[in-house]
Amino acid sequence: MSMFRYAILTVAFCLGTVSGAGHGVDASLTPTFPDTASIAVPPPANAPEKNPDAFEPIQVRFRLADGVRVTGELTGWDDDGIDGSFARRAWTEIHYDDTWKLYRRLMDRSAPLAWVDLGRTLLIVALDQTDARALADRAFREAGKLAPNDPVVTTAIENARIEADDERRLRDRIRTAAEAQRLHTESPEARTWTPRPWPKLDTDEQQAAVQSMRADATDILERAGLTLEPVETKFFLFYSDMNRREAQKWARQLDEMYDRLAARFELPKTENIFWGKAVIFVFKSRDRFRLVEAEAFGQLAADWADGLCHPVGPKVFVNFYRQRPDEVFAAILVHETVHGFMHRYKTPYRLPTWANEGFADYLASVLFRNSPIDLERRRQGVRFVRRGGDVNAVLDWRYGDDSWPGPGRVGYNVGYLMVELMIRDRPRAFGAWVDAIKEGKDWEQALEEDFGVTRAQLVETFVRFYRVND
């Protein structure tokens, strides 16, 4: 048994085997593929713990900036947007008038600084929806009425206006970069790689590679007009404009995540799979994240993208926007870093798109406590199946032809559930399937020869299971 196959089996066992718990599983229908023993379906391994002080969900209706109307359950919110049955929506995606109404419904209207936060949010919204500026000024006036001549409130309003101007200048630079060069719009994962194994570096070569990665990171930051000192760990060079203490916290968590990931692959804890060390960039501003994408990587990041992994030859660079809350940011941090890890695992050859993303989501869900991935992906994926969505077609979607990730980004949901089901049902075979693809075998051929089912059987079993099970 390869180390990887053993590790995947370990993941499956670590999840537990409480049949019928959590997902409302119909025991009369097992999710097994043809000619295999049935499996027990545990509850989500990383479902968030119950918090008595947690936000109570509410029903909401709002319009997006393009006029589309959305109805659903709102389960959380922060300075950047809202979460709910409609997935994550940034305030900038919502029509400015409904941003005003929703934010006021959620905030403490007796707190002057809450009105300042609303004004700041509306100034950012006004960069795309100019009429929002009047509402931003109204919010600032409300703050002033509650705390007349308060220097703290006055300073906060001034800082909010400065932040909005900074965001506007960053967007102007992104537009200038886009006009000056043709930016890539497809995922960095779309690029072609060979199944040629990575060479092993000796100690001196590895140390030289770390220095090379440091120099590259400095050059990337300079191209975006930035100077940052890294937090260096065993496996990562972590650059961020967060305060030093928070940057150190996340850098430590990345190392802990690497240790857990390496254990899943049966790699020694001291083995560094990266060429030198992986470089991680984390920015507090989405526009600064997008600026680095444009000016350093020649990438036009999609509006919904909060992180991207950039493999450059043997090197791994990962760039992030510091999404909130922590659980959401952690999930994205792990997902994209897993892409970097898989780039360096055996060979750079990629799994099919649905599995490449589904496996990254799966590992992010089991490696980080309280990950929101399982709940989000499961709910949307099951809904797609039960509404008659074409699962077989999703398996053909690819990064490079604009088919991925599909309407409502449903490809991520189907990919996650498909990978999870395959691992639960045949963990050893799933490891063999991944190894075979990494060595260059066509994924459908490997599915038959190494996993043991045809594509048609895979889809049939998946659809049959999720039509009646959550």
Protein backbone atom coordinates (compact mmCIF):
# COMPACT_ATOMS: atom_id res chain seq x y z
CA MET A 1 0.00 0.00 0.00
CA SER A 2 1.42 3.42 -0.90
CA MET A 3 1.90 5.96 1.86
CA PHE A 4 -0.82 8.11 0.32
CA ARG A 5 -3.37 5.28 0.24
CA TYR A 6 -2.71 4.50 3.89
CA ALA A 7 -3.09 8.16 4.79
CA ILE A 8 -6.45 8.52 3.06
CA LEU A 9 -7.65 5.47 4.96
CA THR A 10 -6.49 7.15 8.16
CA VAL A 11 -8.53 10.25 7.30
CA ALA A 12 -11.63 8.15 6.79
CA PHE A 13 -11.21 6.35 10.11
CA CYS A 14 -10.50 9.60 11.94
CA LEU A 15 -13.86 10.95 10.79
CA GLY A 16 -15.70 8.37 12.87
CA THR A 17 -18.48 5.99 11.83
CA VAL A 18 -21.74 6.98 13.46
CA SER A 19 -24.30 5.59 11.04
CA GLY A 20 -27.21 7.85 10.29
CA ALA A 21 -26.07 10.71 12.54
CA GLY A 22 -26.21 14.30 11.47
CA HIS A 23 -27.19 14.00 7.82
CA GLY A 24 -30.53 12.21 8.04
CA VAL A 25 -29.17 9.16 6.23
CA ASP A 26 -31.65 6.61 4.97
CA ALA A 27 -30.21 3.31 6.15
CA SER A 28 -32.11 1.47 3.43
CA LEU A 29 -29.90 3.02 0.75
CA THR A 30 -26.16 2.60 1.13
CA PRO A 31 -23.86 4.93 -0.84
CA THR A 32 -21.60 2.13 -2.02
CA PHE A 33 -20.38 1.73 -5.54
CA PRO A 34 -21.15 -1.60 -7.26
CA ASP A 35 -19.97 -4.78 -5.54
CA THR A 36 -18.62 -3.20 -2.38
CA ALA A 37 -19.56 -3.44 1.27
CA SER A 38 -21.74 -0.71 2.70
CA ILE A 39 -20.24 2.15 4.65
CA ALA A 40 -21.43 4.07 7.66
CA VAL A 41 -21.93 7.79 7.16
CA PRO A 42 -20.65 9.95 10.03
CA PRO A 43 -21.84 13.46 10.81
CA PRO A 44 -19.80 16.36 9.40
CA ALA A 45 -16.35 16.08 10.94
CA ASN A 46 -16.02 19.81 11.36
CA ALA A 47 -19.52 21.10 11.99
CA PRO A 48 -19.28 24.32 14.03
CA GLU A 49 -19.88 23.89 17.74
CA LYS A 50 -23.06 25.34 19.18
CA ASN A 51 -22.46 28.80 20.59
CA PRO A 52 -25.19 30.14 22.89
CA ASP A 53 -24.17 33.71 21.99
CA ALA A 54 -24.17 33.03 18.25
CA PHE A 55 -26.12 35.18 15.82
CA GLU A 56 -29.75 34.09 15.54
CA PRO A 57 -30.63 33.44 11.86
CA ILE A 58 -33.22 35.74 10.30
CA GLN A 59 -35.17 35.74 7.04
CA VAL A 60 -34.10 38.47 4.63
CA ARG A 61 -34.87 39.78 1.16
CA PHE A 62 -32.52 42.00 -0.80
CA ARG A 63 -31.46 42.98 -4.28
CA LEU A 64 -28.03 42.50 -5.77
CA ALA A 65 -26.39 45.41 -7.54
CA ASP A 66 -27.49 43.96 -10.90
CA GLY A 67 -31.14 43.90 -9.76
CA VAL A 68 -31.45 40.16 -9.04
CA ARG A 69 -33.66 39.57 -5.98
CA VAL A 70 -32.47 37.19 -3.26
CA THR A 71 -34.51 35.61 -0.46
CA GLY A 72 -33.13 33.35 2.24
CA GLU A 73 -31.89 32.85 5.78
CA LEU A 74 -29.12 35.14 7.00
CA THR A 75 -26.83 33.31 9.44
CA GLY A 76 -24.01 35.77 10.04
CA TRP A 77 -22.50 39.11 9.06
CA ASP A 78 -19.39 41.27 9.40
CA ASP A 79 -17.82 44.42 7.96
CA ASP A 80 -17.29 42.76 4.58
CA GLY A 81 -20.63 41.08 3.93
CA ILE A 82 -23.29 38.57 4.96
CA ASP A 83 -23.54 34.77 5.11
CA GLY A 84 -26.60 32.58 4.73
CA SER A 85 -28.48 30.07 2.64
CA PHE A 86 -27.57 32.24 -0.36
CA ALA A 87 -23.83 31.69 0.38
CA ARG A 88 -21.42 34.55 1.06
CA ARG A 89 -22.42 37.96 -0.31
CA ALA A 90 -20.15 40.99 0.00
CA TRP A 91 -21.79 44.31 0.78
CA THR A 92 -20.40 45.55 -2.53
CA GLU A 93 -22.48 42.91 -4.35
CA ILE A 94 -25.74 44.17 -2.82
CA HIS A 95 -27.77 47.14 -4.11
CA TYR A 96 -26.70 50.15 -2.06
CA ASP A 97 -30.24 50.89 -0.84
CA ASP A 98 -30.61 47.34 0.52
CA THR A 99 -27.11 47.52 2.02
CA TRP A 100 -28.36 50.53 4.00
CA LYS A 101 -31.53 48.74 5.11
CA LEU A 102 -29.88 45.41 5.97
CA TYR A 103 -26.91 46.90 7.81
CA ARG A 104 -29.21 49.12 9.91
CA ARG A 105 -31.33 46.09 10.77
CA LEU A 106 -28.26 44.20 12.02
CA MET A 107 -26.24 46.94 13.73
CA ASP A 108 -26.59 48.57 17.15
CA ARG A 109 -28.22 51.86 16.16
CA SER A 110 -27.42 53.42 19.52
CA ALA A 111 -23.66 53.10 18.94
CA PRO A 112 -22.02 56.05 17.12
CA LEU A 113 -19.12 53.95 15.83
CA ALA A 114 -21.55 51.43 14.34
CA TRP A 115 -22.91 54.27 12.18
CA VAL A 116 -19.32 55.12 11.22
CA ASP A 117 -18.80 51.50 10.15
CA LEU A 118 -21.95 51.69 8.03
CA GLY A 119 -20.71 54.91 6.44
CA ARG A 120 -17.34 53.32 5.69
CA THR A 121 -19.04 50.32 4.10
CA LEU A 122 -21.24 52.56 1.95
CA LEU A 123 -18.23 54.59 0.77
CA ILE A 124 -16.68 51.36 -0.51
CA VAL A 125 -20.00 50.39 -2.11
CA ALA A 126 -20.06 53.86 -3.73
CA LEU A 127 -16.93 53.03 -5.71
CA ASP A 128 -19.23 50.93 -7.92
CA GLN A 129 -22.64 52.43 -7.02
CA THR A 130 -22.10 56.18 -6.83
CA ASP A 131 -25.51 56.94 -5.27
CA ALA A 132 -24.39 55.14 -2.11
CA ARG A 133 -22.23 58.15 -1.18
CA ALA A 134 -25.28 60.14 -0.07
CA LEU A 135 -26.26 57.34 2.32
CA ALA A 136 -22.67 57.18 3.62
CA ASP A 137 -22.83 60.88 4.48
CA ARG A 138 -26.19 60.29 6.16
CA ALA A 139 -24.66 57.53 8.31
CA PHE A 140 -21.82 59.85 9.35
CA ARG A 141 -24.36 62.55 10.31
CA GLU A 142 -26.22 60.03 12.47
CA ALA A 143 -22.93 59.19 14.24
CA GLY A 144 -22.37 62.90 14.84
CA LYS A 145 -25.83 63.36 16.31
CA LEU A 146 -25.27 60.54 18.79
CA ALA A 147 -21.85 61.84 19.83
CA PRO A 148 -21.60 65.55 19.01
CA ASN A 149 -18.05 66.92 18.99
CA ASP A 150 -16.65 63.55 20.12
CA PRO A 151 -13.03 63.48 18.82
CA VAL A 152 -13.04 59.67 18.65
CA VAL A 153 -16.05 59.66 16.32
CA THR A 154 -14.71 62.58 14.28
CA THR A 155 -11.38 60.82 13.78
CA ALA A 156 -13.12 57.56 12.89
CA ILE A 157 -15.13 59.35 10.17
CA GLU A 158 -11.98 60.96 8.77
CA ASN A 159 -10.21 57.58 8.74
CA ALA A 160 -13.18 55.99 6.98
CA ARG A 161 -12.96 58.58 4.20
CA ILE A 162 -9.19 58.05 3.91
CA GLU A 163 -9.66 54.26 3.67
CA ALA A 164 -12.24 54.71 0.90
CA ASP A 165 -9.85 56.96 -1.03
CA ASP A 166 -7.10 54.36 -0.63
CA GLU A 167 -9.43 51.69 -2.02
CA ARG A 168 -10.28 53.93 -4.98
CA ARG A 169 -6.59 54.46 -5.78
CA LEU A 170 -5.92 50.72 -5.56
CA ARG A 171 -8.76 50.03 -7.99
CA ASP A 172 -7.39 52.63 -10.36
CA ARG A 173 -4.02 50.86 -10.30
CA ILE A 174 -5.69 47.51 -11.00
CA ARG A 175 -7.54 49.01 -13.98
CA THR A 176 -4.31 50.56 -15.22
CA ALA A 177 -2.53 47.23 -14.94
CA ALA A 178 -5.35 45.52 -16.81
CA GLU A 179 -5.13 48.07 -19.61
CA ALA A 180 -1.35 47.88 -19.81
CA GLN A 181 -1.23 44.11 -20.16
CA ARG A 182 -3.60 41.33 -20.96
CA LEU A 183 -4.32 39.67 -17.63
CA HIS A 184 -5.06 35.97 -17.23
CA THR A 185 -8.65 35.22 -16.28
CA GLU A 186 -8.49 31.43 -16.02
CA SER A 187 -7.41 29.79 -12.77
CA PRO A 188 -3.65 29.28 -12.29
CA GLU A 189 -4.62 25.63 -11.80
CA ALA A 190 -5.63 25.52 -15.50
CA ARG A 191 -2.05 25.53 -16.73
CA THR A 192 -0.59 22.38 -18.23
CA TRP A 193 1.82 20.30 -16.15
CA THR A 194 3.66 17.07 -16.84
CA PRO A 195 3.71 13.88 -14.73
CA ARG A 196 7.49 14.14 -14.32
CA PRO A 197 8.48 13.53 -10.66
CA TRP A 198 9.99 16.41 -8.70
CA PRO A 199 13.71 15.97 -7.93
CA LYS A 200 14.76 15.76 -4.30
CA LEU A 201 16.86 18.68 -3.00
CA ASP A 202 19.77 18.17 -0.65
CA THR A 203 20.24 20.44 2.38
CA ASP A 204 22.37 23.04 0.59
CA GLU A 205 20.00 23.16 -2.39
CA GLN A 206 17.02 23.58 -0.07
CA GLN A 207 18.67 26.47 1.78
CA ALA A 208 19.49 28.16 -1.52
CA ALA A 209 15.87 27.66 -2.61
CA VAL A 210 14.62 29.43 0.55
CA GLN A 211 16.80 32.45 -0.28
CA SER A 212 15.48 32.42 -3.83
CA MET A 213 11.88 32.41 -2.55
CA ARG A 214 12.68 35.36 -0.25
CA ALA A 215 14.09 37.33 -3.18
CA ASP A 216 11.07 36.48 -5.33
CA ALA A 217 8.66 37.55 -2.60
CA THR A 218 10.45 40.89 -2.20
CA ASP A 219 10.29 41.46 -5.95
CA ILE A 220 6.56 40.60 -6.06
CA LEU A 221 5.79 43.05 -3.25
CA GLU A 222 7.88 45.80 -4.82
CA ARG A 223 5.94 45.47 -8.07
CA ALA A 224 2.80 46.25 -6.06
CA GLY A 225 4.51 49.12 -4.22
CA LEU A 226 4.78 47.23 -0.91
CA THR A 227 7.50 46.43 1.60
CA LEU A 228 6.76 43.75 4.19
CA GLU A 229 8.90 41.62 6.49
CA PRO A 230 7.98 37.93 6.64
CA VAL A 231 7.08 35.75 9.56
CA GLU A 232 9.21 32.67 8.82
CA THR A 233 8.16 29.19 9.97
CA LYS A 234 9.41 25.68 9.24
CA PHE A 235 7.57 25.49 5.91
CA PHE A 236 6.32 29.00 5.05
CA LEU A 237 7.38 32.60 4.47
CA PHE A 238 4.31 34.54 5.61
CA TYR A 239 3.96 38.17 4.43
CA SER A 240 1.02 40.26 5.62
CA ASP A 241 -0.09 43.81 6.36
CA MET A 242 -1.98 42.50 9.41
CA ASN A 243 -0.49 43.40 12.77
CA ARG A 244 2.53 41.30 13.69
CA ARG A 245 0.79 39.30 16.41
CA GLU A 246 -2.08 38.23 14.13
CA ALA A 247 0.36 37.39 11.32
CA GLN A 248 2.34 35.18 13.72
CA LYS A 249 -0.86 33.45 14.84
CA TRP A 250 -1.87 32.51 11.30
CA ALA A 251 1.68 31.53 10.34
CA ARG A 252 1.80 29.13 13.31
CA GLN A 253 -1.56 27.69 12.32
CA LEU A 254 -0.28 27.09 8.80
CA ASP A 255 2.62 25.07 10.18
CA GLU A 256 0.21 23.08 12.35
CA MET A 257 -1.98 22.51 9.30
CA TYR A 258 1.08 21.31 7.34
CA ASP A 259 1.93 18.83 10.10
CA ARG A 260 -1.61 17.40 9.99
CA LEU A 261 -1.58 17.31 6.19
CA ALA A 262 1.82 15.60 6.08
CA ALA A 263 0.56 13.01 8.59
CA ARG A 264 -2.39 12.26 6.29
CA PHE A 265 0.12 11.52 3.51
CA GLU A 266 2.39 9.56 5.86
CA LEU A 267 5.24 12.03 5.31
CA PRO A 268 7.75 12.54 8.13
CA LYS A 269 6.94 15.65 10.17
CA THR A 270 10.36 17.10 9.36
CA GLU A 271 10.04 16.60 5.59
CA ASN A 272 9.44 19.81 3.68
CA ILE A 273 7.61 19.01 0.45
CA PHE A 274 8.03 22.58 -0.87
CA TRP A 275 10.86 23.94 -3.00
CA GLY A 276 12.50 26.09 -0.35
CA LYS A 277 9.39 27.28 1.47
CA ALA A 278 5.94 28.24 0.26
CA VAL A 279 5.36 32.01 0.17
CA ILE A 280 2.05 33.21 1.63
CA PHE A 281 0.69 36.74 1.10
CA VAL A 282 -2.29 37.92 3.18
CA PHE A 283 -3.80 41.41 2.77
CA LYS A 284 -6.48 43.16 4.80
CA SER A 285 -7.90 44.79 1.67
CA ARG A 286 -9.51 42.83 -1.15
CA ASP A 287 -8.31 45.46 -3.61
CA ARG A 288 -4.70 45.12 -2.43
CA PHE A 289 -5.03 41.35 -2.91
CA ARG A 290 -6.32 41.98 -6.44
CA LEU A 291 -3.54 44.50 -7.11
CA VAL A 292 -0.86 41.91 -6.29
CA GLU A 293 -2.70 39.43 -8.51
CA ALA A 294 -2.64 41.89 -11.41
CA GLU A 295 0.81 43.43 -11.08
CA ALA A 296 2.81 40.47 -9.77
CA PHE A 297 1.08 37.45 -11.28
CA GLY A 298 -0.66 38.94 -14.32
CA GLN A 299 -3.95 37.56 -13.01
CA LEU A 300 -7.35 39.24 -13.08
CA ALA A 301 -8.92 37.77 -9.93
CA ALA A 302 -12.64 37.08 -10.14
CA ASP A 303 -14.82 39.27 -7.92
CA TRP A 304 -15.69 36.26 -5.74
CA ALA A 305 -12.08 35.03 -5.37
CA ASP A 306 -10.52 35.52 -1.93
CA GLY A 307 -7.35 33.50 -2.50
CA LEU A 308 -5.30 32.01 -5.33
CA CYS A 309 -2.38 29.59 -5.43
CA HIS A 310 0.29 30.39 -8.04
CA PRO A 311 2.67 27.53 -8.87
CA VAL A 312 5.68 28.86 -10.79
CA GLY A 313 7.78 25.92 -11.89
CA PRO A 314 8.68 24.13 -8.63
CA LYS A 315 7.81 27.24 -6.57
CA VAL A 316 4.56 27.87 -4.68
CA PHE A 317 3.11 31.33 -4.00
CA VAL A 318 -0.32 31.77 -2.39
CA ASN A 319 -2.08 35.14 -2.24
CA PHE A 320 -5.07 35.92 0.03
CA TYR A 321 -7.54 38.55 1.06
CA ARG A 322 -8.05 38.40 4.85
CA GLN A 323 -11.67 37.27 4.76
CA ARG A 324 -13.75 37.34 7.93
CA PRO A 325 -14.91 35.59 10.07
CA ASP A 326 -11.89 33.52 11.08
CA GLU A 327 -13.51 30.21 10.11
CA VAL A 328 -14.14 31.41 6.55
CA PHE A 329 -10.61 32.76 6.16
CA ALA A 330 -9.10 29.58 7.63
CA ALA A 331 -11.03 27.44 5.14
CA ILE A 332 -9.77 29.48 2.18
CA LEU A 333 -6.23 29.55 3.61
CA VAL A 334 -6.13 25.76 3.88
CA HIS A 335 -7.88 25.15 0.52
CA GLU A 336 -5.39 27.20 -1.49
CA THR A 337 -2.39 25.94 0.47
CA VAL A 338 -3.52 22.37 -0.28
CA HIS A 339 -3.33 23.28 -3.98
CA GLY A 340 0.30 24.23 -3.37
CA PHE A 341 0.94 21.00 -1.47
CA MET A 342 -0.63 18.90 -4.24
CA HIS A 343 1.48 20.75 -6.84
CA ARG A 344 4.52 19.37 -5.02
CA TYR A 345 3.12 15.91 -4.20
CA LYS A 346 4.97 13.36 -6.40
CA THR A 347 4.50 15.30 -9.68
CA PRO A 348 2.80 18.56 -10.70
CA TYR A 349 0.21 16.69 -12.81
CA ARG A 350 -3.34 17.70 -11.89
CA LEU A 351 -6.47 15.77 -10.98
CA PRO A 352 -9.55 16.59 -13.09
CA THR A 353 -10.96 19.98 -12.16
CA TRP A 354 -13.89 18.68 -10.07
CA ALA A 355 -11.56 16.43 -8.06
CA ASN A 356 -8.76 18.99 -7.81
CA GLU A 357 -11.12 21.46 -6.15
CA GLY A 358 -13.18 18.84 -4.33
CA PHE A 359 -10.11 17.25 -2.75
CA ALA A 360 -8.78 20.66 -1.62
CA ASP A 361 -12.17 21.39 -0.03
CA TYR A 362 -12.30 17.95 1.56
CA LEU A 363 -8.88 18.32 3.17
CA ALA A 364 -9.71 21.86 4.31
CA SER A 365 -12.87 20.53 5.97
CA VAL A 366 -11.09 17.76 7.91
CA LEU A 367 -7.86 19.57 8.75
CA PHE A 368 -9.37 22.67 10.36
CA ARG A 369 -11.79 22.55 13.28
CA ASN A 370 -15.09 24.38 12.75
CA SER A 371 -14.54 24.65 9.01
CA PRO A 372 -17.76 25.91 7.35
CA ILE A 373 -17.03 24.00 4.14
CA ASP A 374 -19.03 20.85 4.86
CA LEU A 375 -22.27 22.66 5.71
CA GLU A 376 -22.02 25.05 2.77
CA ARG A 377 -20.97 22.53 0.12
CA ARG A 378 -23.35 19.82 1.31
CA ARG A 379 -26.43 22.02 1.35
CA GLN A 380 -25.84 23.48 -2.12
CA GLY A 381 -24.68 20.19 -3.66
CA VAL A 382 -27.65 18.17 -2.40
CA ARG A 383 -30.00 20.88 -3.67
CA PHE A 384 -28.39 20.64 -7.12
CA VAL A 385 -28.91 16.87 -7.25
CA ARG A 386 -32.50 17.00 -6.06
CA ARG A 387 -33.41 19.65 -8.57
CA GLY A 388 -32.24 17.37 -11.37
CA GLY A 389 -28.85 18.97 -12.01
CA ASP A 390 -26.61 17.22 -14.56
CA VAL A 391 -23.86 15.74 -12.37
CA ASN A 392 -22.26 13.95 -15.31
CA ALA A 393 -21.80 17.27 -17.11
CA VAL A 394 -20.02 18.75 -14.07
CA LEU A 395 -17.30 16.11 -14.45
CA ASP A 396 -16.45 17.63 -17.86
CA TRP A 397 -16.21 21.22 -16.66
CA ARG A 398 -12.69 22.63 -16.87
CA TYR A 399 -10.84 25.71 -15.75
CA GLY A 400 -9.69 26.77 -19.19
CA ASP A 401 -12.93 26.81 -21.21
CA ASP A 402 -15.09 28.99 -18.92
CA SER A 403 -17.31 26.05 -17.96
CA TRP A 404 -15.89 25.85 -14.42
CA PRO A 405 -17.24 26.41 -11.78
CA GLY A 406 -20.68 26.61 -13.42
CA PRO A 407 -23.82 28.53 -12.41
CA GLY A 408 -23.71 29.56 -8.77
CA ARG A 409 -20.23 27.94 -8.56
CA VAL A 410 -22.01 24.60 -8.13
CA GLY A 411 -18.95 22.70 -9.39
CA TYR A 412 -17.28 23.18 -6.02
CA ASN A 413 -20.26 21.67 -4.21
CA VAL A 414 -20.52 18.62 -6.48
CA GLY A 415 -16.74 18.12 -6.45
CA TYR A 416 -16.60 18.17 -2.65
CA LEU A 417 -19.46 15.69 -2.21
CA MET A 418 -18.10 13.39 -4.93
CA VAL A 419 -14.61 13.25 -3.41
CA GLU A 420 -16.00 12.76 0.10
CA LEU A 421 -18.21 9.88 -1.05
CA MET A 422 -15.33 8.20 -2.91
CA ILE A 423 -13.04 8.43 0.13
CA ARG A 424 -15.71 7.15 2.52
CA ASP A 425 -16.56 4.22 0.28
CA ARG A 426 -13.11 3.16 -0.96
CA PRO A 427 -10.30 5.03 0.82
CA ARG A 428 -7.51 2.75 -0.44
CA ALA A 429 -8.83 2.84 -4.00
CA PHE A 430 -9.15 6.62 -3.89
CA GLY A 431 -5.47 6.90 -2.94
CA ALA A 432 -4.56 4.54 -5.79
CA TRP A 433 -6.66 6.62 -8.17
CA VAL A 434 -4.88 9.87 -7.19
CA ASP A 435 -1.46 8.23 -7.45
CA ALA A 436 -2.27 6.86 -10.90
CA ILE A 437 -3.37 10.26 -12.17
CA LYS A 438 -0.29 11.95 -10.70
CA GLU A 439 1.78 9.45 -12.67
CA GLY A 440 0.05 10.52 -15.89
CA LYS A 441 -2.88 8.14 -16.34
CA ASP A 442 -6.16 9.52 -17.76
CA TRP A 443 -8.58 10.05 -14.87
CA GLU A 444 -11.41 7.96 -16.38
CA GLN A 445 -9.04 5.10 -17.16
CA ALA A 446 -7.68 5.31 -13.61
CA LEU A 447 -11.25 5.37 -12.30
CA GLU A 448 -11.92 1.97 -13.88
CA GLU A 449 -8.53 0.38 -13.32
CA ASP A 450 -7.54 1.77 -9.92
CA PHE A 451 -10.78 2.87 -8.23
CA GLY A 452 -12.84 0.03 -9.71
CA VAL A 453 -15.92 1.70 -11.26
CA THR A 454 -16.83 3.29 -14.56
CA ARG A 455 -17.73 6.94 -14.85
CA ALA A 456 -21.37 6.00 -15.39
CA GLN A 457 -21.40 3.91 -12.20
CA LEU A 458 -19.76 6.74 -10.24
CA VAL A 459 -22.41 9.25 -11.31
CA GLU A 460 -25.30 6.81 -10.85
CA THR A 461 -24.26 5.92 -7.31
CA PHE A 462 -23.69 9.57 -6.39
CA VAL A 463 -27.08 10.73 -7.68
CA ARG A 464 -28.95 7.76 -6.19
CA PHE A 465 -27.43 8.39 -2.77
CA TYR A 466 -27.94 12.15 -2.55
CA ARG A 467 -31.48 12.07 -3.86
CA VAL A 468 -32.57 10.69 -0.49
CA ASN A 469 -29.66 11.38 1.88
CA ASP A 470 -28.23 14.62 3.18
